[in-house]
Amino acid sequence: MSRTLLITGATGNVSSALLDELRGADFELRALVRDESKAHRVRARGAHPVIGDLDEPRSLPQAFEGVDGLWLLTPNSPRAPENNMNAVWAARQAGVQRVVRLSAVGAAHDAPTRSGRLHALSDHEVERSGMAWTILRPHWFMQNLFNEAGDIAAEGTFSLNMEQARLGMIDVRDIAAVAAQVLIDGPERHHGRIYTPTGPESLSFGEVAERIGHLLGTEIRYVPTSDADAEKRLLGFGMPEWIIEMLTEYAQAYASGWGDFTTSDVHDVVGRPPRGFADFARDHVDAFSSDNR
């Protein structure tokens, strides 16, 4: 008998990749969406959309009814612990048996970022929920570089306020692979575990630029920028100030060496090495190429 799995954050990068990973698995997939106009996105990935909003607890009971397992991904905002609380409460009331939660790298009560500290609160709540639980704290996403793809394609340069930071960055598809395997295996193997999935090596952005350039057959340069200039640019894109300040905190932490590490968690859970940066760049070369602008 198939188990019913509810996916939150269903139209985002990680949850979309997770739905792809779970195709063919013995689950009845249910996806929580706030906006009915986006329901077709999850249907296309084999999930049944249910309307609900983690900001609105009264919208959740019907979505959680009959659910066995929960993939819990909350928006990155000051309301993240409230969203987590609403989901955990709805899950407990519905008799959900287990939760697998997406947290953040380095989440802790003394983390150098407000996001990390908020995630620590939610992680603790999940750990004390009475359900079987597993937490994933993945490293910096390789897919974050899509934000720089326009500059790379147009100018052959990109700028970040991370100085010469080295990061054990990971492909989102490998985060999804870990999550899928945890869910497929069932709670016995993974209950009470906290995984920190990373890529296979810690890279500087100068090395990232070299590898993209090698693939494109042209020179790509990474040019470090100041926090003030990075914030001004993001404000110009209309990004909320809270998110901008949080990103600056991450950048400062990474510039200090905070992200210079890797783990074996992808291999330990999935049974294969994580994708390297060359694999990611090769699969998404069109995003960085001026030929497609």
C-alpha atoms as a PDB file:
ATOM      1  CA  MET A   1       0.000   0.000   0.000  1.00  0.00           C
ATOM      2  CA  SER A   2       1.494   3.328  -1.055  1.00  0.00           C
ATOM      3  CA  ARG A   3       2.158   6.024   1.507  1.00  0.00           C
ATOM      4  CA  THR A   4       0.889   9.586   1.120  1.00  0.00           C
ATOM      5  CA  LEU A   5       3.634  12.193   1.114  1.00  0.00           C
ATOM      6  CA  LEU A   6       2.957  15.924   1.331  1.00  0.00           C
ATOM      7  CA  ILE A   7       5.515  18.229  -0.311  1.00  0.00           C
ATOM      8  CA  THR A   8       5.687  21.856   0.810  1.00  0.00           C
ATOM      9  CA  GLY A   9       7.506  24.591  -1.113  1.00  0.00           C
ATOM     10  CA  ALA A  10       6.364  22.528  -4.056  1.00  0.00           C
ATOM     11  CA  THR A  11       7.087  24.977  -6.876  1.00  0.00           C
ATOM     12  CA  GLY A  12      10.570  25.969  -5.655  1.00  0.00           C
ATOM     13  CA  ASN A  13      13.892  24.642  -6.924  1.00  0.00           C
ATOM     14  CA  VAL A  14      14.543  22.003  -4.260  1.00  0.00           C
ATOM     15  CA  SER A  15      11.007  20.652  -3.966  1.00  0.00           C
ATOM     16  CA  SER A  16      10.587  20.561  -7.756  1.00  0.00           C
ATOM     17  CA  ALA A  17      13.785  18.534  -8.016  1.00  0.00           C
ATOM     18  CA  LEU A  18      12.519  16.286  -5.204  1.00  0.00           C
ATOM     19  CA  LEU A  19       9.279  15.604  -7.066  1.00  0.00           C
ATOM     20  CA  ASP A  20      11.367  14.587 -10.085  1.00  0.00           C
ATOM     21  CA  GLU A  21      13.448  12.249  -7.899  1.00  0.00           C
ATOM     22  CA  LEU A  22      10.328  10.622  -6.456  1.00  0.00           C
ATOM     23  CA  ARG A  23       8.785   9.727  -9.803  1.00  0.00           C
ATOM     24  CA  GLY A  24       8.072   6.018  -9.787  1.00  0.00           C
ATOM     25  CA  ALA A  25       8.499   5.655  -6.018  1.00  0.00           C
ATOM     26  CA  ASP A  26       5.735   4.001  -4.016  1.00  0.00           C
ATOM     27  CA  PHE A  27       4.157   7.241  -2.834  1.00  0.00           C
ATOM     28  CA  GLU A  28       0.946   9.066  -3.424  1.00  0.00           C
ATOM     29  CA  LEU A  29       2.433  12.529  -3.918  1.00  0.00           C
ATOM     30  CA  ARG A  30       0.514  15.535  -2.679  1.00  0.00           C
ATOM     31  CA  ALA A  31       1.883  19.073  -3.147  1.00  0.00           C
ATOM     32  CA  LEU A  32       0.894  22.135  -1.137  1.00  0.00           C
ATOM     33  CA  VAL A  33       0.438  25.235  -3.308  1.00  0.00           C
ATOM     34  CA  ARG A  34      -0.786  28.666  -2.277  1.00  0.00           C
ATOM     35  CA  ASP A  35      -1.774  29.807  -5.738  1.00  0.00           C
ATOM     36  CA  GLU A  36      -4.078  27.584  -7.767  1.00  0.00           C
ATOM     37  CA  SER A  37      -2.669  29.096 -10.979  1.00  0.00           C
ATOM     38  CA  LYS A  38       0.596  27.251 -10.215  1.00  0.00           C
ATOM     39  CA  ALA A  39      -1.069  23.879  -9.641  1.00  0.00           C
ATOM     40  CA  HIS A  40      -0.224  22.715 -13.168  1.00  0.00           C
ATOM     41  CA  ARG A  41       3.489  22.807 -12.287  1.00  0.00           C
ATOM     42  CA  VAL A  42       3.137  20.068  -9.686  1.00  0.00           C
ATOM     43  CA  ARG A  43       0.675  18.071 -11.749  1.00  0.00           C
ATOM     44  CA  ALA A  44       3.307  17.969 -14.493  1.00  0.00           C
ATOM     45  CA  ARG A  45       5.658  16.345 -11.965  1.00  0.00           C
ATOM     46  CA  GLY A  46       3.168  13.682 -10.951  1.00  0.00           C
ATOM     47  CA  ALA A  47       1.798  15.226  -7.750  1.00  0.00           C
ATOM     48  CA  HIS A  48      -1.771  16.074  -6.758  1.00  0.00           C
ATOM     49  CA  PRO A  49      -2.022  19.772  -5.824  1.00  0.00           C
ATOM     50  CA  VAL A  50      -3.790  20.826  -2.632  1.00  0.00           C
ATOM     51  CA  ILE A  51      -4.388  24.469  -1.816  1.00  0.00           C
ATOM     52  CA  GLY A  52      -2.994  25.765   1.464  1.00  0.00           C
ATOM     53  CA  ASP A  53      -0.808  28.486   2.918  1.00  0.00           C
ATOM     54  CA  LEU A  54       1.711  28.052   5.741  1.00  0.00           C
ATOM     55  CA  ASP A  55       0.873  31.632   6.763  1.00  0.00           C
ATOM     56  CA  GLU A  56      -2.748  30.549   7.360  1.00  0.00           C
ATOM     57  CA  PRO A  57      -3.115  27.603   9.765  1.00  0.00           C
ATOM     58  CA  ARG A  58      -6.845  27.235   9.055  1.00  0.00           C
ATOM     59  CA  SER A  59      -6.023  26.444   5.430  1.00  0.00           C
ATOM     60  CA  LEU A  60      -3.943  23.371   6.332  1.00  0.00           C
ATOM     61  CA  PRO A  61      -6.065  20.602   7.948  1.00  0.00           C
ATOM     62  CA  GLN A  62      -7.592  19.354   4.695  1.00  0.00           C
ATOM     63  CA  ALA A  63      -4.205  19.309   2.973  1.00  0.00           C
ATOM     64  CA  PHE A  64      -2.684  17.228   5.796  1.00  0.00           C
ATOM     65  CA  GLU A  65      -5.556  14.767   6.156  1.00  0.00           C
ATOM     66  CA  GLY A  66      -4.406  11.191   5.504  1.00  0.00           C
ATOM     67  CA  VAL A  67      -0.748  12.170   5.096  1.00  0.00           C
ATOM     68  CA  ASP A  68       1.918   9.714   6.302  1.00  0.00           C
ATOM     69  CA  GLY A  69       5.068  11.747   5.657  1.00  0.00           C
ATOM     70  CA  LEU A  70       5.885  15.449   5.303  1.00  0.00           C
ATOM     71  CA  TRP A  71       8.648  17.168   3.341  1.00  0.00           C
ATOM     72  CA  LEU A  72       8.858  20.490   5.159  1.00  0.00           C
ATOM     73  CA  LEU A  73      10.360  23.492   3.395  1.00  0.00           C
ATOM     74  CA  THR A  74       9.439  26.941   4.678  1.00  0.00           C
ATOM     75  CA  PRO A  75       9.996  30.289   2.939  1.00  0.00           C
ATOM     76  CA  ASN A  76      13.115  32.210   3.938  1.00  0.00           C
ATOM     77  CA  SER A  77      11.583  35.084   5.859  1.00  0.00           C
ATOM     78  CA  PRO A  78      11.150  36.434   9.402  1.00  0.00           C
ATOM     79  CA  ARG A  79       7.975  34.333   9.565  1.00  0.00           C
ATOM     80  CA  ALA A  80       9.814  31.051   8.904  1.00  0.00           C
ATOM     81  CA  PRO A  81       9.453  29.724  12.481  1.00  0.00           C
ATOM     82  CA  GLU A  82       5.733  30.597  12.407  1.00  0.00           C
ATOM     83  CA  ASN A  83       5.351  28.752   9.100  1.00  0.00           C
ATOM     84  CA  ASN A  84       7.200  25.765  10.527  1.00  0.00           C
ATOM     85  CA  MET A  85       5.023  25.831  13.648  1.00  0.00           C
ATOM     86  CA  ASN A  86       1.836  25.880  11.579  1.00  0.00           C
ATOM     87  CA  ALA A  87       3.001  22.916   9.496  1.00  0.00           C
ATOM     88  CA  VAL A  88       4.178  20.871  12.493  1.00  0.00           C
ATOM     89  CA  TRP A  89       0.927  21.512  14.354  1.00  0.00           C
ATOM     90  CA  ALA A  90      -1.189  20.529  11.347  1.00  0.00           C
ATOM     91  CA  ALA A  91       0.942  17.393  10.911  1.00  0.00           C
ATOM     92  CA  ARG A  92       0.568  16.383  14.550  1.00  0.00           C
ATOM     93  CA  GLN A  93      -3.185  16.954  14.482  1.00  0.00           C
ATOM     94  CA  ALA A  94      -3.476  14.830  11.331  1.00  0.00           C
ATOM     95  CA  GLY A  95      -1.402  11.962  12.733  1.00  0.00           C
ATOM     96  CA  VAL A  96       1.522  12.366  10.309  1.00  0.00           C
ATOM     97  CA  GLN A  97       4.197   9.809  11.201  1.00  0.00           C
ATOM     98  CA  ARG A  98       7.401  11.490  10.031  1.00  0.00           C
ATOM     99  CA  VAL A  99       8.852  14.775   8.830  1.00  0.00           C
ATOM    100  CA  VAL A 100      11.933  15.465   6.730  1.00  0.00           C
ATOM    101  CA  ARG A 101      12.834  19.138   7.017  1.00  0.00           C
ATOM    102  CA  LEU A 102      15.011  21.355   4.838  1.00  0.00           C
ATOM    103  CA  SER A 103      17.045  23.582   7.139  1.00  0.00           C
ATOM    104  CA  ALA A 104      20.137  25.657   6.306  1.00  0.00           C
ATOM    105  CA  VAL A 105      23.876  25.120   6.432  1.00  0.00           C
ATOM    106  CA  GLY A 106      25.278  25.864   9.875  1.00  0.00           C
ATOM    107  CA  ALA A 107      21.876  26.316  11.503  1.00  0.00           C
ATOM    108  CA  ALA A 108      22.471  26.911  15.208  1.00  0.00           C
ATOM    109  CA  HIS A 109      21.383  29.234  17.986  1.00  0.00           C
ATOM    110  CA  ASP A 110      24.743  31.027  17.664  1.00  0.00           C
ATOM    111  CA  ALA A 111      24.912  30.996  13.831  1.00  0.00           C
ATOM    112  CA  PRO A 112      26.415  34.124  12.214  1.00  0.00           C
ATOM    113  CA  THR A 113      23.248  34.653  10.160  1.00  0.00           C
ATOM    114  CA  ARG A 114      19.689  35.416  11.207  1.00  0.00           C
ATOM    115  CA  SER A 115      18.501  32.706   8.822  1.00  0.00           C
ATOM    116  CA  GLY A 116      20.652  30.125  10.576  1.00  0.00           C
ATOM    117  CA  ARG A 117      19.327  31.150  13.975  1.00  0.00           C
ATOM    118  CA  LEU A 118      15.707  31.040  12.830  1.00  0.00           C
ATOM    119  CA  HIS A 119      16.256  27.627  11.254  1.00  0.00           C
ATOM    120  CA  ALA A 120      17.706  26.402  14.553  1.00  0.00           C
ATOM    121  CA  LEU A 121      14.436  27.279  16.279  1.00  0.00           C
ATOM    122  CA  SER A 122      12.446  25.321  13.710  1.00  0.00           C
ATOM    123  CA  ASP A 123      14.868  22.390  13.788  1.00  0.00           C
ATOM    124  CA  HIS A 124      14.431  22.173  17.556  1.00  0.00           C
ATOM    125  CA  GLU A 125      10.647  22.206  17.215  1.00  0.00           C
ATOM    126  CA  VAL A 126      10.769  19.348  14.707  1.00  0.00           C
ATOM    127  CA  GLU A 127      13.107  17.356  16.960  1.00  0.00           C
ATOM    128  CA  ARG A 128      10.602  17.685  19.838  1.00  0.00           C
ATOM    129  CA  SER A 129       7.481  17.115  17.708  1.00  0.00           C
ATOM    130  CA  GLY A 130       6.960  13.465  18.607  1.00  0.00           C
ATOM    131  CA  MET A 131       7.216  12.463  14.946  1.00  0.00           C
ATOM    132  CA  ALA A 132      10.111  10.575  13.396  1.00  0.00           C
ATOM    133  CA  TRP A 133      12.369  13.286  11.982  1.00  0.00           C
ATOM    134  CA  THR A 134      15.345  13.929   9.725  1.00  0.00           C
ATOM    135  CA  ILE A 135      16.894  17.327   9.000  1.00  0.00           C
ATOM    136  CA  LEU A 136      18.917  18.376   5.947  1.00  0.00           C
ATOM    137  CA  ARG A 137      21.254  21.388   6.211  1.00  0.00           C
ATOM    138  CA  PRO A 138      22.662  21.704   2.684  1.00  0.00           C
ATOM    139  CA  HIS A 139      25.548  23.943   1.660  1.00  0.00           C
ATOM    140  CA  TRP A 140      25.411  26.867  -0.802  1.00  0.00           C
ATOM    141  CA  PHE A 141      23.493  25.954  -3.979  1.00  0.00           C
ATOM    142  CA  MET A 142      25.363  25.872  -7.302  1.00  0.00           C
ATOM    143  CA  GLN A 143      22.061  27.046  -8.827  1.00  0.00           C
ATOM    144  CA  ASN A 144      22.527  30.380  -7.027  1.00  0.00           C
ATOM    145  CA  LEU A 145      24.927  31.189  -9.869  1.00  0.00           C
ATOM    146  CA  PHE A 146      21.970  31.519 -12.220  1.00  0.00           C
ATOM    147  CA  ASN A 147      21.568  34.969 -10.625  1.00  0.00           C
ATOM    148  CA  GLU A 148      24.923  35.883 -12.189  1.00  0.00           C
ATOM    149  CA  ALA A 149      24.298  34.222 -15.546  1.00  0.00           C
ATOM    150  CA  GLY A 150      23.209  37.423 -17.292  1.00  0.00           C
ATOM    151  CA  ASP A 151      26.427  39.244 -16.399  1.00  0.00           C
ATOM    152  CA  ILE A 152      28.543  36.212 -17.297  1.00  0.00           C
ATOM    153  CA  ALA A 153      26.903  35.938 -20.709  1.00  0.00           C
ATOM    154  CA  ALA A 154      26.910  39.667 -21.464  1.00  0.00           C
ATOM    155  CA  GLU A 155      30.167  40.870 -19.908  1.00  0.00           C
ATOM    156  CA  GLY A 156      32.267  37.801 -19.089  1.00  0.00           C
ATOM    157  CA  THR A 157      32.394  38.802 -15.417  1.00  0.00           C
ATOM    158  CA  PHE A 158      30.369  38.392 -12.248  1.00  0.00           C
ATOM    159  CA  SER A 159      30.626  40.011  -8.825  1.00  0.00           C
ATOM    160  CA  LEU A 160      29.813  38.788  -5.336  1.00  0.00           C
ATOM    161  CA  ASN A 161      30.634  40.224  -1.921  1.00  0.00           C
ATOM    162  CA  MET A 162      32.365  37.063  -0.675  1.00  0.00           C
ATOM    163  CA  GLU A 163      35.995  38.061  -1.216  1.00  0.00           C
ATOM    164  CA  GLN A 164      38.063  34.880  -1.774  1.00  0.00           C
ATOM    165  CA  ALA A 165      35.651  32.542   0.012  1.00  0.00           C
ATOM    166  CA  ARG A 166      35.819  28.820  -0.656  1.00  0.00           C
ATOM    167  CA  LEU A 167      32.541  26.879  -0.473  1.00  0.00           C
ATOM    168  CA  GLY A 168      31.600  23.209  -0.579  1.00  0.00           C
ATOM    169  CA  MET A 169      28.761  24.185  -2.914  1.00  0.00           C
ATOM    170  CA  ILE A 170      26.194  21.575  -3.963  1.00  0.00           C
ATOM    171  CA  ASP A 171      23.913  20.954  -6.925  1.00  0.00           C
ATOM    172  CA  VAL A 172      20.253  21.226  -5.862  1.00  0.00           C
ATOM    173  CA  ARG A 173      19.592  17.920  -7.619  1.00  0.00           C
ATOM    174  CA  ASP A 174      21.845  16.193  -5.094  1.00  0.00           C
ATOM    175  CA  ILE A 175      19.959  17.748  -2.186  1.00  0.00           C
ATOM    176  CA  ALA A 176      16.794  16.336  -3.740  1.00  0.00           C
ATOM    177  CA  ALA A 177      18.464  12.950  -4.194  1.00  0.00           C
ATOM    178  CA  VAL A 178      19.352  12.806  -0.494  1.00  0.00           C
ATOM    179  CA  ALA A 179      15.838  13.860   0.525  1.00  0.00           C
ATOM    180  CA  ALA A 180      14.249  11.313  -1.803  1.00  0.00           C
ATOM    181  CA  GLN A 181      16.414   8.473  -0.504  1.00  0.00           C
ATOM    182  CA  VAL A 182      15.650   9.393   3.104  1.00  0.00           C
ATOM    183  CA  LEU A 183      11.930   9.347   2.341  1.00  0.00           C
ATOM    184  CA  ILE A 184      12.093   6.106   0.352  1.00  0.00           C
ATOM    185  CA  ASP A 185      14.132   4.317   3.018  1.00  0.00           C
ATOM    186  CA  GLY A 186      11.588   5.045   5.710  1.00  0.00           C
ATOM    187  CA  PRO A 187      12.179   6.494   9.180  1.00  0.00           C
ATOM    188  CA  GLU A 188      14.094   3.638  10.805  1.00  0.00           C
ATOM    189  CA  ARG A 189      17.424   4.347   9.088  1.00  0.00           C
ATOM    190  CA  HIS A 190      17.289   8.120   9.278  1.00  0.00           C
ATOM    191  CA  HIS A 191      15.310   9.050  12.400  1.00  0.00           C
ATOM    192  CA  GLY A 192      17.180  11.578  14.510  1.00  0.00           C
ATOM    193  CA  ARG A 193      19.804  12.237  11.842  1.00  0.00           C
ATOM    194  CA  ILE A 194      20.997  15.661  10.681  1.00  0.00           C
ATOM    195  CA  TYR A 195      22.709  15.628   7.279  1.00  0.00           C
ATOM    196  CA  THR A 196      24.782  18.427   5.750  1.00  0.00           C
ATOM    197  CA  PRO A 197      24.962  17.620   2.032  1.00  0.00           C
ATOM    198  CA  THR A 198      27.811  19.301   0.132  1.00  0.00           C
ATOM    199  CA  GLY A 199      29.486  18.984  -3.214  1.00  0.00           C
ATOM    200  CA  PRO A 200      32.689  16.978  -3.679  1.00  0.00           C
ATOM    201  CA  GLU A 201      35.116  19.894  -3.262  1.00  0.00           C
ATOM    202  CA  SER A 202      35.416  23.353  -1.792  1.00  0.00           C
ATOM    203  CA  LEU A 203      35.754  25.954  -4.563  1.00  0.00           C
ATOM    204  CA  SER A 204      36.596  29.640  -4.787  1.00  0.00           C
ATOM    205  CA  PHE A 205      34.581  31.827  -7.134  1.00  0.00           C
ATOM    206  CA  GLY A 206      37.762  32.445  -9.105  1.00  0.00           C
ATOM    207  CA  GLU A 207      37.876  28.693  -9.784  1.00  0.00           C
ATOM    208  CA  VAL A 208      34.173  28.733 -10.643  1.00  0.00           C
ATOM    209  CA  ALA A 209      34.872  31.485 -13.199  1.00  0.00           C
ATOM    210  CA  GLU A 210      37.757  29.502 -14.708  1.00  0.00           C
ATOM    211  CA  ARG A 211      35.627  26.381 -15.101  1.00  0.00           C
ATOM    212  CA  ILE A 212      32.723  28.211 -16.696  1.00  0.00           C
ATOM    213  CA  GLY A 213      35.180  29.972 -19.007  1.00  0.00           C
ATOM    214  CA  HIS A 214      36.819  26.678 -19.971  1.00  0.00           C
ATOM    215  CA  LEU A 215      33.420  25.253 -20.876  1.00  0.00           C
ATOM    216  CA  LEU A 216      32.450  28.336 -22.911  1.00  0.00           C
ATOM    217  CA  GLY A 217      35.863  28.690 -24.539  1.00  0.00           C
ATOM    218  CA  THR A 218      36.316  32.239 -23.286  1.00  0.00           C
ATOM    219  CA  GLU A 219      37.697  34.097 -20.274  1.00  0.00           C
ATOM    220  CA  ILE A 220      35.280  34.601 -17.372  1.00  0.00           C
ATOM    221  CA  ARG A 221      36.393  36.680 -14.378  1.00  0.00           C
ATOM    222  CA  TYR A 222      35.150  36.866 -10.820  1.00  0.00           C
ATOM    223  CA  VAL A 223      35.406  40.404  -9.418  1.00  0.00           C
ATOM    224  CA  PRO A 224      34.809  40.698  -5.654  1.00  0.00           C
ATOM    225  CA  THR A 225      32.608  43.610  -4.667  1.00  0.00           C
ATOM    226  CA  SER A 226      31.746  45.378  -1.420  1.00  0.00           C
ATOM    227  CA  ASP A 227      28.749  44.652   0.773  1.00  0.00           C
ATOM    228  CA  ALA A 228      27.399  48.141   0.051  1.00  0.00           C
ATOM    229  CA  ASP A 229      27.588  47.679  -3.724  1.00  0.00           C
ATOM    230  CA  ALA A 230      26.041  44.214  -3.542  1.00  0.00           C
ATOM    231  CA  GLU A 231      23.185  45.518  -1.405  1.00  0.00           C
ATOM    232  CA  LYS A 232      22.578  48.445  -3.745  1.00  0.00           C
ATOM    233  CA  ARG A 233      22.351  46.073  -6.694  1.00  0.00           C
ATOM    234  CA  LEU A 234      19.855  43.794  -4.933  1.00  0.00           C
ATOM    235  CA  LEU A 235      17.754  46.769  -3.852  1.00  0.00           C
ATOM    236  CA  GLY A 236      17.608  47.749  -7.507  1.00  0.00           C
ATOM    237  CA  PHE A 237      16.076  44.366  -8.272  1.00  0.00           C
ATOM    238  CA  GLY A 238      13.357  45.049  -5.694  1.00  0.00           C
ATOM    239  CA  MET A 239      14.548  42.439  -3.195  1.00  0.00           C
ATOM    240  CA  PRO A 240      13.215  42.922   0.372  1.00  0.00           C
ATOM    241  CA  GLU A 241      15.660  44.540   2.783  1.00  0.00           C
ATOM    242  CA  TRP A 242      15.423  41.655   5.271  1.00  0.00           C
ATOM    243  CA  ILE A 243      16.586  39.190   2.612  1.00  0.00           C
ATOM    244  CA  ILE A 244      19.373  41.522   1.469  1.00  0.00           C
ATOM    245  CA  GLU A 245      20.701  41.943   5.002  1.00  0.00           C
ATOM    246  CA  MET A 246      20.525  38.175   5.556  1.00  0.00           C
ATOM    247  CA  LEU A 247      22.513  37.575   2.354  1.00  0.00           C
ATOM    248  CA  THR A 248      25.149  40.051   3.539  1.00  0.00           C
ATOM    249  CA  GLU A 249      25.459  38.104   6.788  1.00  0.00           C
ATOM    250  CA  TYR A 250      26.019  34.897   4.821  1.00  0.00           C
ATOM    251  CA  ALA A 251      28.557  36.635   2.574  1.00  0.00           C
ATOM    252  CA  GLN A 252      30.518  37.916   5.554  1.00  0.00           C
ATOM    253  CA  ALA A 253      30.503  34.471   7.162  1.00  0.00           C
ATOM    254  CA  TYR A 254      31.667  32.807   3.948  1.00  0.00           C
ATOM    255  CA  ALA A 255      34.383  35.422   3.436  1.00  0.00           C
ATOM    256  CA  SER A 256      35.718  34.487   6.883  1.00  0.00           C
ATOM    257  CA  GLY A 257      36.120  30.841   5.835  1.00  0.00           C
ATOM    258  CA  TRP A 258      32.887  29.583   7.435  1.00  0.00           C
ATOM    259  CA  GLY A 259      31.861  27.579   4.330  1.00  0.00           C
ATOM    260  CA  ASP A 260      35.215  25.974   3.487  1.00  0.00           C
ATOM    261  CA  PHE A 261      34.321  22.322   4.102  1.00  0.00           C
ATOM    262  CA  THR A 262      32.761  19.250   2.520  1.00  0.00           C
ATOM    263  CA  THR A 263      31.042  16.157   3.898  1.00  0.00           C
ATOM    264  CA  SER A 264      30.406  12.620   2.649  1.00  0.00           C
ATOM    265  CA  ASP A 265      26.663  12.819   3.350  1.00  0.00           C
ATOM    266  CA  VAL A 266      25.503  12.578  -0.283  1.00  0.00           C
ATOM    267  CA  HIS A 267      27.554   9.443  -0.844  1.00  0.00           C
ATOM    268  CA  ASP A 268      26.585   7.975   2.540  1.00  0.00           C
ATOM    269  CA  VAL A 269      22.843   8.354   1.892  1.00  0.00           C
ATOM    270  CA  VAL A 270      22.530   7.973  -1.884  1.00  0.00           C
ATOM    271  CA  GLY A 271      25.440   5.613  -2.521  1.00  0.00           C
ATOM    272  CA  ARG A 272      27.158   7.738  -5.168  1.00  0.00           C
ATOM    273  CA  PRO A 273      29.346  10.859  -5.145  1.00  0.00           C
ATOM    274  CA  PRO A 274      27.710  14.273  -5.487  1.00  0.00           C
ATOM    275  CA  ARG A 275      27.890  16.066  -8.805  1.00  0.00           C
ATOM    276  CA  GLY A 276      30.984  18.199  -9.309  1.00  0.00           C
ATOM    277  CA  PHE A 277      30.837  21.787 -10.512  1.00  0.00           C
ATOM    278  CA  ALA A 278      31.870  20.707 -14.012  1.00  0.00           C
ATOM    279  CA  ASP A 279      28.781  18.462 -14.157  1.00  0.00           C
ATOM    280  CA  PHE A 280      26.531  21.320 -13.082  1.00  0.00           C
ATOM    281  CA  ALA A 281      28.067  23.793 -15.547  1.00  0.00           C
ATOM    282  CA  ARG A 282      27.934  21.317 -18.420  1.00  0.00           C
ATOM    283  CA  ASP A 283      24.270  20.562 -17.794  1.00  0.00           C
ATOM    284  CA  HIS A 284      23.393  24.280 -17.684  1.00  0.00           C
ATOM    285  CA  VAL A 285      25.899  25.730 -20.139  1.00  0.00           C
ATOM    286  CA  ASP A 286      23.151  27.469 -22.127  1.00  0.00           C
ATOM    287  CA  ALA A 287      22.310  29.639 -19.112  1.00  0.00           C
ATOM    288  CA  PHE A 288      25.800  31.173 -19.148  1.00  0.00           C
ATOM    289  CA  SER A 289      26.308  31.438 -22.909  1.00  0.00           C
ATOM    290  CA  SER A 290      26.026  34.693 -24.836  1.00  0.00           C
ATOM    291  CA  ASP A 291      24.699  32.659 -27.776  1.00  0.00           C
ATOM    292  CA  ASN A 292      21.394  32.350 -25.941  1.00  0.00           C
ATOM    293  CA  ARG A 293      20.998  36.012 -25.003  1.00  0.00           C
END
